[in-house]
Amino acid sequence: MEIEQVISYETKEGIKFKIRFSLFNTVGIPDIGIPIVDVVLISHDNSIWQNNPLTLFEIADLIKDYLKLFDVILYYYCDHSEIKMRKNRIQISPQEYRNKIFNILSDRKIDSSLDKRTFHIKDDKYGDHYITVISRSKNQTELTRILHEMNNLLK
């Protein structure tokens, strides 16, 4: 089975997605000894849809299953595109909202075999950036190194 994959997924409401796992561009980052894989959730029709818990948990399960198959660092970056949010959440950015949802889901799905770290980059010019990395618990040193290297790149 290939490390780079695209998984098609359709919600019970008929909304189609692809979950893409691809090797992260590590230009400028020293080799840390483990592949870094970018995970992207792509809406088939690019519509702004509202999340439902069942869909989000199923997506989290697919990501967890991927991490069971491959010994990698999974890199999740929250993009800047619009998202539907409840009105009481309007005071936070779409990136922060996505990050919170991703982290709540992964916290519920992650067991002691996995380790997760979140990285927040303050950016007054373009908007803050939210990154989460997840890997097997045995890769704690590598997770720390990748976050350190990313922080150095942004200085």
N, C-alpha and C. Protein backbone atom coordinates (compact mmCIF):
# COMPACT_ATOMS: atom_id res chain seq x y z
N MET A 1 0.85 -1.18 0.00
CA MET A 1 0.00 0.00 0.00
C MET A 1 0.89 1.24 0.00
N GLU A 2 0.54 2.21 -0.81
CA GLU A 2 1.32 3.44 -0.97
C GLU A 2 1.07 4.41 0.18
N ILE A 3 2.12 5.13 0.57
CA ILE A 3 2.01 6.12 1.63
C ILE A 3 1.16 7.31 1.18
N GLU A 4 1.25 7.66 -0.11
CA GLU A 4 0.41 8.73 -0.66
C GLU A 4 -0.90 8.10 -1.13
N GLN A 5 -2.00 8.62 -0.59
CA GLN A 5 -3.31 8.05 -0.88
C GLN A 5 -4.36 9.14 -0.99
N VAL A 6 -5.41 8.82 -1.71
CA VAL A 6 -6.61 9.65 -1.73
C VAL A 6 -7.77 8.72 -1.40
N ILE A 7 -8.48 9.05 -0.35
CA ILE A 7 -9.62 8.25 0.09
C ILE A 7 -10.89 9.03 -0.21
N SER A 8 -11.79 8.42 -0.98
CA SER A 8 -13.08 9.05 -1.25
C SER A 8 -14.02 8.75 -0.10
N TYR A 9 -14.84 9.73 0.23
CA TYR A 9 -15.77 9.60 1.35
C TYR A 9 -17.04 10.37 1.01
N GLU A 10 -18.18 9.77 1.30
CA GLU A 10 -19.46 10.45 1.07
C GLU A 10 -20.28 10.39 2.35
N THR A 11 -20.80 11.55 2.75
CA THR A 11 -21.61 11.62 3.96
C THR A 11 -22.99 11.02 3.69
N LYS A 12 -23.74 10.78 4.75
CA LYS A 12 -25.09 10.26 4.57
C LYS A 12 -26.00 11.27 3.88
N GLU A 13 -25.60 12.56 3.91
CA GLU A 13 -26.35 13.61 3.22
C GLU A 13 -25.95 13.72 1.75
N GLY A 14 -24.98 12.93 1.32
CA GLY A 14 -24.56 12.93 -0.07
C GLY A 14 -23.43 13.90 -0.41
N ILE A 15 -22.82 14.51 0.61
CA ILE A 15 -21.69 15.41 0.37
C ILE A 15 -20.43 14.57 0.17
N LYS A 16 -19.74 14.81 -0.94
CA LYS A 16 -18.58 14.01 -1.28
C LYS A 16 -17.28 14.73 -0.92
N PHE A 17 -16.36 13.96 -0.36
CA PHE A 17 -15.05 14.46 0.02
C PHE A 17 -13.97 13.55 -0.48
N LYS A 18 -12.77 14.09 -0.46
CA LYS A 18 -11.58 13.28 -0.62
C LYS A 18 -10.66 13.64 0.53
N ILE A 19 -10.05 12.64 1.10
CA ILE A 19 -9.03 12.84 2.12
C ILE A 19 -7.72 12.46 1.46
N ARG A 20 -6.85 13.46 1.29
CA ARG A 20 -5.60 13.23 0.57
C ARG A 20 -4.43 13.20 1.55
N PHE A 21 -3.65 12.14 1.47
CA PHE A 21 -2.42 12.00 2.23
C PHE A 21 -1.27 12.07 1.23
N SER A 22 -0.42 13.10 1.36
CA SER A 22 0.69 13.25 0.43
C SER A 22 1.95 13.65 1.20
N LEU A 23 3.10 13.30 0.64
CA LEU A 23 4.35 13.64 1.29
C LEU A 23 4.49 15.15 1.38
N PHE A 24 4.87 15.61 2.53
CA PHE A 24 5.04 17.03 2.82
C PHE A 24 6.33 17.53 2.17
N ASN A 25 6.30 18.72 1.62
CA ASN A 25 7.50 19.32 1.04
C ASN A 25 8.43 19.74 2.17
N THR A 26 9.54 19.04 2.32
CA THR A 26 10.45 19.29 3.44
C THR A 26 11.65 20.15 3.06
N VAL A 27 11.54 20.89 1.97
CA VAL A 27 12.63 21.79 1.57
C VAL A 27 12.87 22.78 2.72
N GLY A 28 14.12 22.88 3.15
CA GLY A 28 14.49 23.77 4.24
C GLY A 28 14.38 23.16 5.62
N ILE A 29 13.89 21.93 5.69
CA ILE A 29 13.76 21.25 6.97
C ILE A 29 14.73 20.07 6.98
N PRO A 30 15.61 19.99 7.98
CA PRO A 30 16.53 18.85 8.03
C PRO A 30 15.78 17.53 8.15
N ASP A 31 16.37 16.48 7.62
CA ASP A 31 15.77 15.15 7.70
C ASP A 31 15.63 14.75 9.16
N ILE A 32 14.43 14.38 9.55
CA ILE A 32 14.23 13.96 10.94
C ILE A 32 14.07 12.45 11.06
N GLY A 33 14.23 11.75 9.94
CA GLY A 33 14.25 10.29 9.98
C GLY A 33 12.90 9.61 9.87
N ILE A 34 11.86 10.36 9.60
CA ILE A 34 10.52 9.78 9.46
C ILE A 34 9.76 10.62 8.42
N PRO A 35 8.98 9.98 7.55
CA PRO A 35 8.23 10.77 6.56
C PRO A 35 7.20 11.68 7.23
N ILE A 36 7.05 12.87 6.65
CA ILE A 36 6.02 13.80 7.09
C ILE A 36 4.95 13.80 6.00
N VAL A 37 3.72 13.55 6.39
CA VAL A 37 2.62 13.42 5.44
C VAL A 37 1.58 14.49 5.72
N ASP A 38 1.25 15.23 4.69
CA ASP A 38 0.24 16.27 4.74
C ASP A 38 -1.12 15.62 4.56
N VAL A 39 -2.09 15.94 5.42
CA VAL A 39 -3.45 15.44 5.25
C VAL A 39 -4.35 16.62 4.89
N VAL A 40 -5.13 16.44 3.83
CA VAL A 40 -6.01 17.49 3.34
C VAL A 40 -7.40 16.91 3.14
N LEU A 41 -8.38 17.63 3.63
CA LEU A 41 -9.78 17.28 3.42
C LEU A 41 -10.31 18.19 2.33
N ILE A 42 -10.78 17.58 1.22
CA ILE A 42 -11.20 18.33 0.05
C ILE A 42 -12.68 18.06 -0.21
N SER A 43 -13.47 19.13 -0.26
CA SER A 43 -14.88 19.00 -0.61
C SER A 43 -14.99 18.83 -2.12
N HIS A 44 -15.78 17.86 -2.56
CA HIS A 44 -15.91 17.56 -3.98
C HIS A 44 -16.46 18.75 -4.78
N ASP A 45 -17.46 19.43 -4.22
CA ASP A 45 -18.09 20.53 -4.97
C ASP A 45 -17.70 21.91 -4.44
N ASN A 46 -16.73 21.98 -3.53
CA ASN A 46 -16.23 23.23 -2.96
C ASN A 46 -17.33 24.06 -2.30
N SER A 47 -18.41 23.43 -1.89
CA SER A 47 -19.47 24.18 -1.21
C SER A 47 -19.10 24.37 0.26
N ILE A 48 -19.73 25.38 0.84
CA ILE A 48 -19.55 25.60 2.27
C ILE A 48 -20.63 24.77 2.96
N TRP A 49 -20.20 23.77 3.70
CA TRP A 49 -21.13 22.85 4.34
C TRP A 49 -20.97 22.93 5.84
N GLN A 50 -22.00 22.52 6.55
CA GLN A 50 -21.93 22.51 8.00
C GLN A 50 -21.60 21.09 8.47
N ASN A 51 -20.64 21.02 9.37
CA ASN A 51 -20.20 19.72 9.90
C ASN A 51 -21.29 19.09 10.74
N ASN A 52 -21.36 17.78 10.67
CA ASN A 52 -22.18 17.07 11.65
C ASN A 52 -21.26 16.10 12.37
N PRO A 53 -21.55 15.79 13.62
CA PRO A 53 -20.63 14.97 14.42
C PRO A 53 -20.32 13.60 13.81
N LEU A 54 -21.30 12.93 13.24
CA LEU A 54 -21.07 11.60 12.67
C LEU A 54 -20.03 11.67 11.55
N THR A 55 -20.19 12.62 10.65
CA THR A 55 -19.24 12.78 9.56
C THR A 55 -17.84 13.04 10.10
N LEU A 56 -17.72 13.94 11.05
CA LEU A 56 -16.42 14.30 11.59
C LEU A 56 -15.76 13.11 12.29
N PHE A 57 -16.53 12.32 13.03
CA PHE A 57 -15.96 11.15 13.68
C PHE A 57 -15.52 10.09 12.67
N GLU A 58 -16.28 9.93 11.60
CA GLU A 58 -15.88 8.97 10.57
C GLU A 58 -14.59 9.41 9.88
N ILE A 59 -14.45 10.71 9.62
CA ILE A 59 -13.22 11.23 9.04
C ILE A 59 -12.05 11.01 10.01
N ALA A 60 -12.28 11.27 11.29
CA ALA A 60 -11.23 11.05 12.30
C ALA A 60 -10.82 9.58 12.34
N ASP A 61 -11.79 8.67 12.18
CA ASP A 61 -11.46 7.24 12.15
C ASP A 61 -10.60 6.89 10.94
N LEU A 62 -10.90 7.48 9.78
CA LEU A 62 -10.09 7.22 8.58
C LEU A 62 -8.65 7.71 8.78
N ILE A 63 -8.49 8.85 9.43
CA ILE A 63 -7.15 9.37 9.70
C ILE A 63 -6.42 8.47 10.70
N LYS A 64 -7.11 8.04 11.73
CA LYS A 64 -6.49 7.14 12.70
C LYS A 64 -6.09 5.82 12.04
N ASP A 65 -6.94 5.28 11.17
CA ASP A 65 -6.61 4.04 10.46
C ASP A 65 -5.36 4.21 9.62
N TYR A 66 -5.22 5.37 8.98
CA TYR A 66 -4.02 5.65 8.18
C TYR A 66 -2.78 5.62 9.07
N LEU A 67 -2.88 6.24 10.24
CA LEU A 67 -1.74 6.29 11.16
C LEU A 67 -1.37 4.90 11.71
N LYS A 68 -2.33 4.00 11.74
CA LYS A 68 -2.02 2.62 12.15
C LYS A 68 -1.24 1.90 11.07
N LEU A 69 -1.49 2.24 9.81
CA LEU A 69 -0.82 1.58 8.69
C LEU A 69 0.60 2.10 8.45
N PHE A 70 0.81 3.40 8.66
CA PHE A 70 2.07 4.02 8.29
C PHE A 70 2.73 4.72 9.48
N ASP A 71 4.02 4.50 9.62
CA ASP A 71 4.81 5.15 10.67
C ASP A 71 5.30 6.49 10.11
N VAL A 72 4.49 7.52 10.28
CA VAL A 72 4.75 8.84 9.72
C VAL A 72 4.40 9.90 10.76
N ILE A 73 4.76 11.12 10.44
CA ILE A 73 4.21 12.28 11.16
C ILE A 73 3.14 12.85 10.25
N LEU A 74 1.94 12.90 10.74
CA LEU A 74 0.83 13.45 9.97
C LEU A 74 0.74 14.94 10.28
N TYR A 75 0.72 15.75 9.23
CA TYR A 75 0.73 17.21 9.34
C TYR A 75 -0.62 17.73 8.86
N TYR A 76 -1.32 18.45 9.74
CA TYR A 76 -2.62 19.02 9.39
C TYR A 76 -2.56 20.53 9.57
N TYR A 77 -2.80 21.25 8.48
CA TYR A 77 -2.79 22.71 8.48
C TYR A 77 -4.21 23.19 8.20
N CYS A 78 -4.70 24.11 9.00
CA CYS A 78 -6.04 24.65 8.80
C CYS A 78 -5.98 25.82 7.83
N ASP A 79 -6.72 25.71 6.73
CA ASP A 79 -6.67 26.75 5.70
C ASP A 79 -7.54 27.96 6.06
N HIS A 80 -7.54 28.94 5.18
CA HIS A 80 -8.23 30.20 5.42
C HIS A 80 -9.60 30.30 4.74
N SER A 81 -10.08 29.24 4.10
CA SER A 81 -11.36 29.34 3.40
C SER A 81 -12.51 29.41 4.40
N GLU A 82 -13.62 29.92 3.91
CA GLU A 82 -14.80 30.11 4.76
C GLU A 82 -15.37 28.77 5.22
N ILE A 83 -16.06 28.81 6.33
CA ILE A 83 -16.71 27.64 6.89
C ILE A 83 -17.97 28.11 7.63
N LYS A 84 -19.01 27.30 7.61
CA LYS A 84 -20.21 27.63 8.37
C LYS A 84 -19.95 27.33 9.84
N MET A 85 -20.27 28.30 10.68
CA MET A 85 -20.13 28.13 12.12
C MET A 85 -21.40 28.59 12.80
N ARG A 86 -21.65 28.04 13.96
CA ARG A 86 -22.77 28.55 14.74
C ARG A 86 -22.51 30.02 15.06
N LYS A 87 -23.56 30.78 15.19
CA LYS A 87 -23.43 32.22 15.40
C LYS A 87 -22.64 32.56 16.66
N ASN A 88 -22.69 31.72 17.68
CA ASN A 88 -21.94 32.01 18.91
C ASN A 88 -20.44 31.78 18.74
N ARG A 89 -20.00 31.27 17.58
CA ARG A 89 -18.57 31.06 17.33
C ARG A 89 -18.02 32.06 16.31
N ILE A 90 -18.81 33.04 15.96
CA ILE A 90 -18.41 33.98 14.90
C ILE A 90 -17.16 34.79 15.28
N GLN A 91 -16.84 34.89 16.56
CA GLN A 91 -15.70 35.70 16.98
C GLN A 91 -14.35 35.02 16.74
N ILE A 92 -14.33 33.80 16.29
CA ILE A 92 -13.06 33.14 15.98
C ILE A 92 -12.94 32.94 14.47
N SER A 93 -11.71 32.85 14.02
CA SER A 93 -11.45 32.69 12.58
C SER A 93 -11.80 31.27 12.13
N PRO A 94 -12.05 31.09 10.83
CA PRO A 94 -12.29 29.73 10.32
C PRO A 94 -11.13 28.79 10.62
N GLN A 95 -9.89 29.30 10.58
CA GLN A 95 -8.72 28.46 10.86
C GLN A 95 -8.75 27.95 12.31
N GLU A 96 -9.02 28.88 13.23
CA GLU A 96 -9.05 28.48 14.64
C GLU A 96 -10.19 27.49 14.89
N TYR A 97 -11.33 27.74 14.27
CA TYR A 97 -12.48 26.85 14.42
C TYR A 97 -12.14 25.44 13.91
N ARG A 98 -11.55 25.36 12.71
CA ARG A 98 -11.16 24.06 12.15
C ARG A 98 -10.16 23.36 13.07
N ASN A 99 -9.21 24.13 13.58
CA ASN A 99 -8.21 23.56 14.47
C ASN A 99 -8.86 22.99 15.73
N LYS A 100 -9.79 23.73 16.29
CA LYS A 100 -10.49 23.25 17.50
C LYS A 100 -11.27 21.97 17.21
N ILE A 101 -11.99 21.94 16.09
CA ILE A 101 -12.75 20.75 15.72
C ILE A 101 -11.81 19.56 15.52
N PHE A 102 -10.75 19.76 14.73
CA PHE A 102 -9.80 18.68 14.46
C PHE A 102 -9.21 18.15 15.76
N ASN A 103 -8.84 19.04 16.67
CA ASN A 103 -8.23 18.61 17.92
C ASN A 103 -9.21 17.92 18.86
N ILE A 104 -10.44 18.38 18.90
CA ILE A 104 -11.46 17.70 19.72
C ILE A 104 -11.67 16.28 19.19
N LEU A 105 -11.81 16.16 17.86
CA LEU A 105 -12.03 14.84 17.27
C LEU A 105 -10.84 13.92 17.49
N SER A 106 -9.65 14.45 17.23
CA SER A 106 -8.48 13.58 17.37
C SER A 106 -8.26 13.22 18.84
N ASP A 107 -8.56 14.13 19.76
CA ASP A 107 -8.43 13.80 21.18
C ASP A 107 -9.36 12.65 21.57
N ARG A 108 -10.54 12.62 20.98
CA ARG A 108 -11.48 11.54 21.29
C ARG A 108 -11.09 10.22 20.63
N LYS A 109 -10.36 10.29 19.54
CA LYS A 109 -10.00 9.08 18.79
C LYS A 109 -8.59 8.59 19.11
N ILE A 110 -7.74 9.46 19.61
CA ILE A 110 -6.35 9.08 19.87
C ILE A 110 -6.26 8.31 21.17
N ASP A 111 -5.54 7.22 21.12
CA ASP A 111 -5.28 6.46 22.33
C ASP A 111 -3.80 6.61 22.68
N SER A 112 -3.34 5.84 23.64
CA SER A 112 -1.96 5.99 24.12
C SER A 112 -0.92 5.61 23.07
N SER A 113 -1.35 5.00 21.96
CA SER A 113 -0.39 4.63 20.91
C SER A 113 -0.01 5.82 20.02
N LEU A 114 -0.73 6.95 20.17
CA LEU A 114 -0.47 8.12 19.34
C LEU A 114 -0.17 9.35 20.19
N ASP A 115 0.59 10.27 19.60
CA ASP A 115 0.94 11.53 20.26
C ASP A 115 0.58 12.67 19.32
N LYS A 116 -0.02 13.72 19.87
CA LYS A 116 -0.46 14.86 19.06
C LYS A 116 0.12 16.14 19.65
N ARG A 117 0.55 17.03 18.75
CA ARG A 117 1.04 18.35 19.17
C ARG A 117 0.38 19.40 18.28
N THR A 118 0.07 20.53 18.87
CA THR A 118 -0.54 21.64 18.13
C THR A 118 0.40 22.83 18.16
N PHE A 119 0.45 23.53 17.05
CA PHE A 119 1.36 24.65 16.86
C PHE A 119 0.56 25.82 16.31
N HIS A 120 0.65 26.96 16.97
CA HIS A 120 -0.08 28.17 16.57
C HIS A 120 0.93 29.24 16.20
N ILE A 121 0.81 29.79 15.00
CA ILE A 121 1.70 30.85 14.53
C ILE A 121 0.89 32.13 14.44
N LYS A 122 1.25 33.10 15.23
CA LYS A 122 0.58 34.40 15.23
C LYS A 122 1.01 35.17 13.98
N ASP A 123 0.04 35.65 13.21
CA ASP A 123 0.34 36.37 11.97
C ASP A 123 -0.69 37.49 11.79
N ASP A 124 -0.31 38.69 12.19
CA ASP A 124 -1.23 39.83 12.10
C ASP A 124 -1.49 40.26 10.67
N LYS A 125 -0.58 39.94 9.76
CA LYS A 125 -0.73 40.37 8.37
C LYS A 125 -1.68 39.47 7.58
N TYR A 126 -1.49 38.15 7.67
CA TYR A 126 -2.27 37.21 6.85
C TYR A 126 -3.29 36.39 7.64
N GLY A 127 -3.30 36.53 8.93
CA GLY A 127 -4.16 35.72 9.78
C GLY A 127 -3.36 34.60 10.41
N ASP A 128 -3.72 34.24 11.61
CA ASP A 128 -2.99 33.21 12.34
C ASP A 128 -3.05 31.86 11.63
N HIS A 129 -2.05 31.05 11.90
CA HIS A 129 -1.93 29.72 11.30
C HIS A 129 -2.00 28.67 12.42
N TYR A 130 -2.69 27.59 12.14
CA TYR A 130 -2.87 26.51 13.11
C TYR A 130 -2.42 25.20 12.47
N ILE A 131 -1.54 24.52 13.15
CA ILE A 131 -0.96 23.28 12.64
C ILE A 131 -1.06 22.23 13.74
N THR A 132 -1.40 21.02 13.35
CA THR A 132 -1.38 19.89 14.28
C THR A 132 -0.56 18.78 13.64
N VAL A 133 0.29 18.17 14.44
CA VAL A 133 1.06 17.01 13.99
C VAL A 133 0.72 15.83 14.90
N ILE A 134 0.57 14.67 14.29
CA ILE A 134 0.23 13.45 15.03
C ILE A 134 1.13 12.33 14.53
N SER A 135 1.59 11.51 15.46
CA SER A 135 2.39 10.36 15.09
C SER A 135 2.26 9.31 16.19
N ARG A 136 2.91 8.21 15.97
CA ARG A 136 2.94 7.18 17.00
C ARG A 136 3.72 7.70 18.21
N SER A 137 3.33 7.25 19.38
CA SER A 137 3.95 7.72 20.62
C SER A 137 5.45 7.52 20.64
N LYS A 138 5.92 6.49 19.98
CA LYS A 138 7.36 6.22 19.95
C LYS A 138 8.14 7.30 19.20
N ASN A 139 7.43 8.20 18.48
CA ASN A 139 8.07 9.24 17.68
C ASN A 139 8.02 10.62 18.36
N GLN A 140 7.97 10.65 19.69
CA GLN A 140 7.89 11.91 20.42
C GLN A 140 9.08 12.83 20.11
N THR A 141 10.26 12.26 20.02
CA THR A 141 11.45 13.06 19.71
C THR A 141 11.33 13.71 18.35
N GLU A 142 10.85 12.95 17.36
CA GLU A 142 10.69 13.47 16.01
C GLU A 142 9.61 14.56 15.95
N LEU A 143 8.53 14.38 16.72
CA LEU A 143 7.49 15.41 16.77
C LEU A 143 8.04 16.72 17.33
N THR A 144 8.82 16.61 18.38
CA THR A 144 9.43 17.79 18.97
C THR A 144 10.38 18.46 17.98
N ARG A 145 11.17 17.66 17.26
CA ARG A 145 12.11 18.21 16.28
C ARG A 145 11.41 18.93 15.14
N ILE A 146 10.35 18.33 14.61
CA ILE A 146 9.67 18.97 13.48
C ILE A 146 9.04 20.29 13.90
N LEU A 147 8.46 20.36 15.07
CA LEU A 147 7.88 21.62 15.53
C LEU A 147 8.98 22.66 15.76
N HIS A 148 10.10 22.24 16.29
CA HIS A 148 11.24 23.14 16.49
C HIS A 148 11.73 23.68 15.14
N GLU A 149 11.88 22.80 14.16
CA GLU A 149 12.36 23.21 12.83
C GLU A 149 11.38 24.15 12.15
N MET A 150 10.09 23.89 12.28
CA MET A 150 9.09 24.75 11.68
C MET A 150 9.11 26.12 12.33
N ASN A 151 9.27 26.14 13.64
CA ASN A 151 9.35 27.41 14.35
C ASN A 151 10.57 28.21 13.89
N ASN A 152 11.70 27.53 13.67
CA ASN A 152 12.91 28.21 13.18
C ASN A 152 12.70 28.80 11.79
N LEU A 153 11.97 28.09 10.94
CA LEU A 153 11.72 28.58 9.58
C LEU A 153 10.90 29.87 9.59
N LEU A 154 10.06 30.02 10.59
CA LEU A 154 9.14 31.16 10.63
C LEU A 154 9.74 32.38 11.31
N LYS A 155 10.93 32.28 11.84
CA LYS A 155 11.57 33.43 12.52
C LYS A 155 12.21 34.34 11.53
